[in-house]
Amino acid sequence: MTLKSCNRKKKDVLSNLTNIKADSIELWDEGTASYLGVQELVLGLPPASMNTLELVAAALGNDPDYFESVGLGLAAKADLALTTSEVASKATTVDVNTALNIRDVEITAVNTSLESKASSVSLAAELASRDTAIATKASSASLASELASRDTTIASKASSASLASALASRDTTIASKASSASLASELASRDTAIGSKASSAS
């Protein structure tokens, strides 16, 4: 075995010339016909490409408490029995599908009901017709004025009590006059007397 130089000049791989590197020492290995680091040549040490523990430690951030943290985290999780119980208490896919089918039926019924209602266009047209009809009627102010005029006219007329009293007075006066039978008898007597006068004068 030989040392490899610092400048790592290109050498014949089969030669045993010496090379030296500033940061490491590599020796020529006849078995692999290549330069190997000292650590790779020491019995029991793996090459750098196979140093699995160092790679794992680096991946874990060289945290010595990593596995303890993982254990504590796993202990804080729910156990399998509790998880299974919770899952069993949830609705099954059959229950969910049944509920969804019922919901679909209800939505269909609502849609059918909505389709049976008047559309907003028809309703707007109907309201416009009503508004036009209302506009042709007398306004509340005009109607109130007309009713006030009627009330004034009615108030100027004789009340029913006054009219009844006047009619009663008329009836009394008429009753005090001679009846038509008495008047006819009186007129007949007058006619007889006049007739007798006329004959005696002749």
C-alpha atoms as a PDB file:
ATOM      1  CA  MET A   1       0.000   0.000   0.000  1.00  0.00           C
ATOM      2  CA  THR A   2       1.137   3.555  -0.767  1.00  0.00           C
ATOM      3  CA  LEU A   3       0.084   7.089   0.181  1.00  0.00           C
ATOM      4  CA  LYS A   4      -1.814   9.250  -2.339  1.00  0.00           C
ATOM      5  CA  SER A   5      -0.498  12.773  -2.990  1.00  0.00           C
ATOM      6  CA  CYS A   6      -2.353  15.979  -2.179  1.00  0.00           C
ATOM      7  CA  ASN A   7      -2.684  17.186  -5.757  1.00  0.00           C
ATOM      8  CA  ARG A   8      -4.150  13.834  -6.831  1.00  0.00           C
ATOM      9  CA  LYS A   9      -2.332  13.759 -10.097  1.00  0.00           C
ATOM     10  CA  LYS A  10      -3.756  11.302 -12.547  1.00  0.00           C
ATOM     11  CA  LYS A  11      -1.890   8.047 -12.078  1.00  0.00           C
ATOM     12  CA  ASP A  12      -2.022   4.634 -13.519  1.00  0.00           C
ATOM     13  CA  VAL A  13      -4.549   2.771 -11.328  1.00  0.00           C
ATOM     14  CA  LEU A  14      -2.262  -0.236 -11.329  1.00  0.00           C
ATOM     15  CA  SER A  15       0.698   1.721  -9.996  1.00  0.00           C
ATOM     16  CA  ASN A  16       1.597   1.950  -6.344  1.00  0.00           C
ATOM     17  CA  LEU A  17       2.829   5.501  -6.379  1.00  0.00           C
ATOM     18  CA  THR A  18       2.143   7.594  -3.304  1.00  0.00           C
ATOM     19  CA  ASN A  19      -0.497  10.406  -3.190  1.00  0.00           C
ATOM     20  CA  ILE A  20      -1.295  12.598  -0.170  1.00  0.00           C
ATOM     21  CA  LYS A  21      -4.530  14.621   0.379  1.00  0.00           C
ATOM     22  CA  ALA A  22      -4.741  17.526   2.786  1.00  0.00           C
ATOM     23  CA  ASP A  23      -7.914  16.322   4.551  1.00  0.00           C
ATOM     24  CA  SER A  24      -7.469  12.548   4.435  1.00  0.00           C
ATOM     25  CA  ILE A  25      -5.080   9.767   3.671  1.00  0.00           C
ATOM     26  CA  GLU A  26      -5.963   7.215   1.020  1.00  0.00           C
ATOM     27  CA  LEU A  27      -4.041   4.005   0.463  1.00  0.00           C
ATOM     28  CA  TRP A  28      -3.836   1.887  -2.627  1.00  0.00           C
ATOM     29  CA  ASP A  29      -5.745  -1.370  -2.263  1.00  0.00           C
ATOM     30  CA  GLU A  30      -4.497  -4.167  -4.419  1.00  0.00           C
ATOM     31  CA  GLY A  31      -7.700  -6.157  -3.977  1.00  0.00           C
ATOM     32  CA  THR A  32      -9.987  -3.460  -5.378  1.00  0.00           C
ATOM     33  CA  ALA A  33      -7.313  -1.830  -7.527  1.00  0.00           C
ATOM     34  CA  SER A  34      -8.374   1.576  -6.189  1.00  0.00           C
ATOM     35  CA  TYR A  35      -7.506   4.085  -3.509  1.00  0.00           C
ATOM     36  CA  LEU A  36      -9.376   3.559  -0.246  1.00  0.00           C
ATOM     37  CA  GLY A  37      -9.629   5.707   2.850  1.00  0.00           C
ATOM     38  CA  VAL A  38      -7.930   4.577   6.009  1.00  0.00           C
ATOM     39  CA  GLN A  39     -11.306   4.063   7.734  1.00  0.00           C
ATOM     40  CA  GLU A  40     -12.441   1.746   4.958  1.00  0.00           C
ATOM     41  CA  LEU A  41      -9.318  -0.372   5.391  1.00  0.00           C
ATOM     42  CA  VAL A  42      -9.683  -0.766   9.155  1.00  0.00           C
ATOM     43  CA  LEU A  43     -11.425  -4.044   9.952  1.00  0.00           C
ATOM     44  CA  GLY A  44     -15.043  -3.583  11.135  1.00  0.00           C
ATOM     45  CA  LEU A  45     -15.559  -0.053   9.800  1.00  0.00           C
ATOM     46  CA  PRO A  46     -17.969   0.240   6.824  1.00  0.00           C
ATOM     47  CA  PRO A  47     -17.230   2.497   3.883  1.00  0.00           C
ATOM     48  CA  ALA A  48     -18.767   5.973   3.875  1.00  0.00           C
ATOM     49  CA  SER A  49     -21.479   4.879   1.397  1.00  0.00           C
ATOM     50  CA  MET A  50     -22.622   2.165   3.831  1.00  0.00           C
ATOM     51  CA  ASN A  51     -22.522   4.127   7.088  1.00  0.00           C
ATOM     52  CA  THR A  52     -26.253   3.609   7.730  1.00  0.00           C
ATOM     53  CA  LEU A  53     -26.310   4.688  11.385  1.00  0.00           C
ATOM     54  CA  GLU A  54     -24.745   8.030  10.591  1.00  0.00           C
ATOM     55  CA  LEU A  55     -27.223   8.566   7.751  1.00  0.00           C
ATOM     56  CA  VAL A  56     -30.156   7.711  10.018  1.00  0.00           C
ATOM     57  CA  ALA A  57     -28.851  10.018  12.759  1.00  0.00           C
ATOM     58  CA  ALA A  58     -28.459  12.851  10.270  1.00  0.00           C
ATOM     59  CA  ALA A  59     -31.998  12.248   8.978  1.00  0.00           C
ATOM     60  CA  LEU A  60     -33.308  12.503  12.544  1.00  0.00           C
ATOM     61  CA  GLY A  61     -31.424  15.740  13.096  1.00  0.00           C
ATOM     62  CA  ASN A  62     -29.012  14.044  15.497  1.00  0.00           C
ATOM     63  CA  ASP A  63     -31.735  14.221  18.158  1.00  0.00           C
ATOM     64  CA  PRO A  64     -30.843  11.799  20.994  1.00  0.00           C
ATOM     65  CA  ASP A  65     -34.392  12.071  22.395  1.00  0.00           C
ATOM     66  CA  TYR A  66     -36.120  11.302  19.081  1.00  0.00           C
ATOM     67  CA  PHE A  67     -37.375   7.819  19.958  1.00  0.00           C
ATOM     68  CA  GLU A  68     -38.484   8.955  23.404  1.00  0.00           C
ATOM     69  CA  SER A  69     -40.477  11.774  21.786  1.00  0.00           C
ATOM     70  CA  VAL A  70     -42.026   9.290  19.355  1.00  0.00           C
ATOM     71  CA  GLY A  71     -42.924   6.958  22.223  1.00  0.00           C
ATOM     72  CA  LEU A  72     -44.574   9.744  24.191  1.00  0.00           C
ATOM     73  CA  GLY A  73     -46.478  10.795  21.081  1.00  0.00           C
ATOM     74  CA  LEU A  74     -47.745   7.270  20.483  1.00  0.00           C
ATOM     75  CA  ALA A  75     -48.784   6.944  24.141  1.00  0.00           C
ATOM     76  CA  ALA A  76     -50.850  10.098  23.805  1.00  0.00           C
ATOM     77  CA  LYS A  77     -52.852   8.631  20.943  1.00  0.00           C
ATOM     78  CA  ALA A  78     -56.208   6.910  21.486  1.00  0.00           C
ATOM     79  CA  ASP A  79     -55.985   3.154  21.949  1.00  0.00           C
ATOM     80  CA  LEU A  80     -57.427   0.758  19.392  1.00  0.00           C
ATOM     81  CA  ALA A  81     -60.477  -0.176  21.508  1.00  0.00           C
ATOM     82  CA  LEU A  82     -61.554   3.441  21.900  1.00  0.00           C
ATOM     83  CA  THR A  83     -60.975   4.146  18.224  1.00  0.00           C
ATOM     84  CA  THR A  84     -62.957   1.058  17.216  1.00  0.00           C
ATOM     85  CA  SER A  85     -65.803   2.065  19.565  1.00  0.00           C
ATOM     86  CA  GLU A  86     -65.902   5.590  18.142  1.00  0.00           C
ATOM     87  CA  VAL A  87     -65.925   4.309  14.584  1.00  0.00           C
ATOM     88  CA  ALA A  88     -68.712   1.837  15.398  1.00  0.00           C
ATOM     89  CA  SER A  89     -70.868   4.654  16.795  1.00  0.00           C
ATOM     90  CA  LYS A  90     -70.731   6.524  13.518  1.00  0.00           C
ATOM     91  CA  ALA A  91     -73.359   6.128  10.799  1.00  0.00           C
ATOM     92  CA  THR A  92     -72.699   3.363   8.320  1.00  0.00           C
ATOM     93  CA  THR A  93     -72.592   3.928   4.582  1.00  0.00           C
ATOM     94  CA  VAL A  94     -76.032   2.275   4.392  1.00  0.00           C
ATOM     95  CA  ASP A  95     -77.464   4.819   6.854  1.00  0.00           C
ATOM     96  CA  VAL A  96     -75.833   7.682   4.965  1.00  0.00           C
ATOM     97  CA  ASN A  97     -77.156   6.422   1.624  1.00  0.00           C
ATOM     98  CA  THR A  98     -80.654   6.025   3.093  1.00  0.00           C
ATOM     99  CA  ALA A  99     -80.570   9.568   4.453  1.00  0.00           C
ATOM    100  CA  LEU A 100     -79.352  10.877   1.113  1.00  0.00           C
ATOM    101  CA  ASN A 101     -82.154   9.054  -0.715  1.00  0.00           C
ATOM    102  CA  ILE A 102     -84.730  10.578   1.635  1.00  0.00           C
ATOM    103  CA  ARG A 103     -83.186  13.987   1.067  1.00  0.00           C
ATOM    104  CA  ASP A 104     -83.383  13.491  -2.707  1.00  0.00           C
ATOM    105  CA  VAL A 105     -87.099  12.632  -2.423  1.00  0.00           C
ATOM    106  CA  GLU A 106     -87.715  15.754  -0.338  1.00  0.00           C
ATOM    107  CA  ILE A 107     -85.817  17.932  -2.797  1.00  0.00           C
ATOM    108  CA  THR A 108     -87.838  16.473  -5.683  1.00  0.00           C
ATOM    109  CA  ALA A 109     -91.085  17.254  -3.831  1.00  0.00           C
ATOM    110  CA  VAL A 110     -89.954  20.831  -3.198  1.00  0.00           C
ATOM    111  CA  ASN A 111     -89.014  21.279  -6.851  1.00  0.00           C
ATOM    112  CA  THR A 112     -92.394  19.931  -7.944  1.00  0.00           C
ATOM    113  CA  SER A 113     -94.159  22.319  -5.570  1.00  0.00           C
ATOM    114  CA  LEU A 114     -92.125  25.254  -6.852  1.00  0.00           C
ATOM    115  CA  GLU A 115     -92.958  24.386 -10.454  1.00  0.00           C
ATOM    116  CA  SER A 116     -96.673  24.484  -9.610  1.00  0.00           C
ATOM    117  CA  LYS A 117     -96.413  28.063  -8.363  1.00  0.00           C
ATOM    118  CA  ALA A 118     -96.881  31.097 -10.582  1.00  0.00           C
ATOM    119  CA  SER A 119     -93.698  32.396 -12.093  1.00  0.00           C
ATOM    120  CA  SER A 120     -92.369  35.779 -11.068  1.00  0.00           C
ATOM    121  CA  VAL A 121     -93.199  37.122 -14.561  1.00  0.00           C
ATOM    122  CA  SER A 122     -96.858  36.025 -14.285  1.00  0.00           C
ATOM    123  CA  LEU A 123     -97.094  37.450 -10.787  1.00  0.00           C
ATOM    124  CA  ALA A 124     -95.624  40.760 -11.914  1.00  0.00           C
ATOM    125  CA  ALA A 125     -98.140  40.948 -14.798  1.00  0.00           C
ATOM    126  CA  GLU A 126    -101.037  40.208 -12.447  1.00  0.00           C
ATOM    127  CA  LEU A 127     -99.893  42.871  -9.978  1.00  0.00           C
ATOM    128  CA  ALA A 128     -99.548  45.387 -12.816  1.00  0.00           C
ATOM    129  CA  SER A 129    -103.149  44.673 -13.864  1.00  0.00           C
ATOM    130  CA  ARG A 130    -104.317  45.150 -10.284  1.00  0.00           C
ATOM    131  CA  ASP A 131    -102.398  48.430 -10.016  1.00  0.00           C
ATOM    132  CA  THR A 132    -104.026  49.685 -13.231  1.00  0.00           C
ATOM    133  CA  ALA A 133    -107.500  48.762 -11.954  1.00  0.00           C
ATOM    134  CA  ILE A 134    -106.864  50.461  -8.620  1.00  0.00           C
ATOM    135  CA  ALA A 135    -105.619  53.597 -10.380  1.00  0.00           C
ATOM    136  CA  THR A 136    -108.948  53.912 -12.230  1.00  0.00           C
ATOM    137  CA  LYS A 137    -110.903  53.972  -8.981  1.00  0.00           C
ATOM    138  CA  ALA A 138    -111.579  57.151  -6.993  1.00  0.00           C
ATOM    139  CA  SER A 139    -108.863  58.014  -4.546  1.00  0.00           C
ATOM    140  CA  SER A 140    -109.580  57.799  -0.833  1.00  0.00           C
ATOM    141  CA  ALA A 141    -109.440  61.614  -0.600  1.00  0.00           C
ATOM    142  CA  SER A 142    -112.052  62.022  -3.362  1.00  0.00           C
ATOM    143  CA  LEU A 143    -114.263  59.395  -1.765  1.00  0.00           C
ATOM    144  CA  ALA A 144    -114.018  61.079   1.639  1.00  0.00           C
ATOM    145  CA  SER A 145    -114.949  64.442   0.107  1.00  0.00           C
ATOM    146  CA  GLU A 146    -117.963  62.916  -1.658  1.00  0.00           C
ATOM    147  CA  LEU A 147    -119.138  61.236   1.521  1.00  0.00           C
ATOM    148  CA  ALA A 148    -118.779  64.492   3.449  1.00  0.00           C
ATOM    149  CA  SER A 149    -120.982  66.275   0.877  1.00  0.00           C
ATOM    150  CA  ARG A 150    -123.575  63.535   1.184  1.00  0.00           C
ATOM    151  CA  ASP A 151    -123.502  63.782   4.972  1.00  0.00           C
ATOM    152  CA  THR A 152    -124.048  67.549   4.806  1.00  0.00           C
ATOM    153  CA  THR A 153    -127.010  67.133   2.448  1.00  0.00           C
ATOM    154  CA  ILE A 154    -128.557  64.458   4.642  1.00  0.00           C
ATOM    155  CA  ALA A 155    -128.056  66.606   7.741  1.00  0.00           C
ATOM    156  CA  SER A 156    -129.961  69.475   6.075  1.00  0.00           C
ATOM    157  CA  LYS A 157    -133.019  67.282   5.584  1.00  0.00           C
ATOM    158  CA  ALA A 158    -135.690  66.831   8.282  1.00  0.00           C
ATOM    159  CA  SER A 159    -134.923  64.065  10.657  1.00  0.00           C
ATOM    160  CA  SER A 160    -137.201  61.030  10.721  1.00  0.00           C
ATOM    161  CA  ALA A 161    -138.585  62.140  14.113  1.00  0.00           C
ATOM    162  CA  SER A 162    -139.472  65.621  12.772  1.00  0.00           C
ATOM    163  CA  LEU A 163    -141.061  64.098   9.687  1.00  0.00           C
ATOM    164  CA  ALA A 164    -143.125  61.712  11.779  1.00  0.00           C
ATOM    165  CA  SER A 165    -144.313  64.584  13.964  1.00  0.00           C
ATOM    166  CA  ALA A 166    -145.333  66.655  10.908  1.00  0.00           C
ATOM    167  CA  LEU A 167    -147.210  63.760   9.402  1.00  0.00           C
ATOM    168  CA  ALA A 168    -149.017  63.160  12.685  1.00  0.00           C
ATOM    169  CA  SER A 169    -150.112  66.818  12.746  1.00  0.00           C
ATOM    170  CA  ARG A 170    -151.398  66.518   9.178  1.00  0.00           C
ATOM    171  CA  ASP A 171    -153.342  63.374  10.091  1.00  0.00           C
ATOM    172  CA  THR A 172    -154.947  65.123  13.044  1.00  0.00           C
ATOM    173  CA  THR A 173    -156.015  68.077  10.868  1.00  0.00           C
ATOM    174  CA  ILE A 174    -157.436  65.794   8.216  1.00  0.00           C
ATOM    175  CA  ALA A 175    -159.322  63.803  10.861  1.00  0.00           C
ATOM    176  CA  SER A 176    -160.951  67.012  12.160  1.00  0.00           C
ATOM    177  CA  LYS A 177    -162.375  67.735   8.746  1.00  0.00           C
ATOM    178  CA  ALA A 178    -165.741  66.287   7.604  1.00  0.00           C
ATOM    179  CA  SER A 179    -165.621  62.886   6.140  1.00  0.00           C
ATOM    180  CA  SER A 180    -166.470  62.461   2.470  1.00  0.00           C
ATOM    181  CA  ALA A 181    -169.780  60.751   3.396  1.00  0.00           C
ATOM    182  CA  SER A 182    -170.826  63.690   5.601  1.00  0.00           C
ATOM    183  CA  LEU A 183    -169.779  66.144   2.931  1.00  0.00           C
ATOM    184  CA  ALA A 184    -171.776  64.250   0.293  1.00  0.00           C
ATOM    185  CA  SER A 185    -174.891  64.263   2.533  1.00  0.00           C
ATOM    186  CA  GLU A 186    -174.492  67.967   3.201  1.00  0.00           C
ATOM    187  CA  LEU A 187    -174.146  68.712  -0.500  1.00  0.00           C
ATOM    188  CA  ALA A 188    -177.263  66.585  -1.271  1.00  0.00           C
ATOM    189  CA  SER A 189    -179.288  68.605   1.285  1.00  0.00           C
ATOM    190  CA  ARG A 190    -178.043  71.834  -0.245  1.00  0.00           C
ATOM    191  CA  ASP A 191    -179.030  70.616  -3.725  1.00  0.00           C
ATOM    192  CA  THR A 192    -182.602  69.723  -2.514  1.00  0.00           C
ATOM    193  CA  ALA A 193    -183.072  73.124  -0.897  1.00  0.00           C
ATOM    194  CA  ILE A 194    -181.883  74.892  -4.029  1.00  0.00           C
ATOM    195  CA  GLY A 195    -184.240  72.800  -6.136  1.00  0.00           C
ATOM    196  CA  SER A 196    -187.227  73.681  -4.025  1.00  0.00           C
ATOM    197  CA  LYS A 197    -186.423  77.358  -4.212  1.00  0.00           C
ATOM    198  CA  ALA A 198    -186.258  77.306  -7.942  1.00  0.00           C
ATOM    199  CA  SER A 199    -189.659  75.592  -8.352  1.00  0.00           C
ATOM    200  CA  SER A 200    -191.483  78.004  -6.019  1.00  0.00           C
ATOM    201  CA  ALA A 201    -190.103  80.972  -7.901  1.00  0.00           C
ATOM    202  CA  SER A 202    -191.520  79.615 -11.157  1.00  0.00           C
END
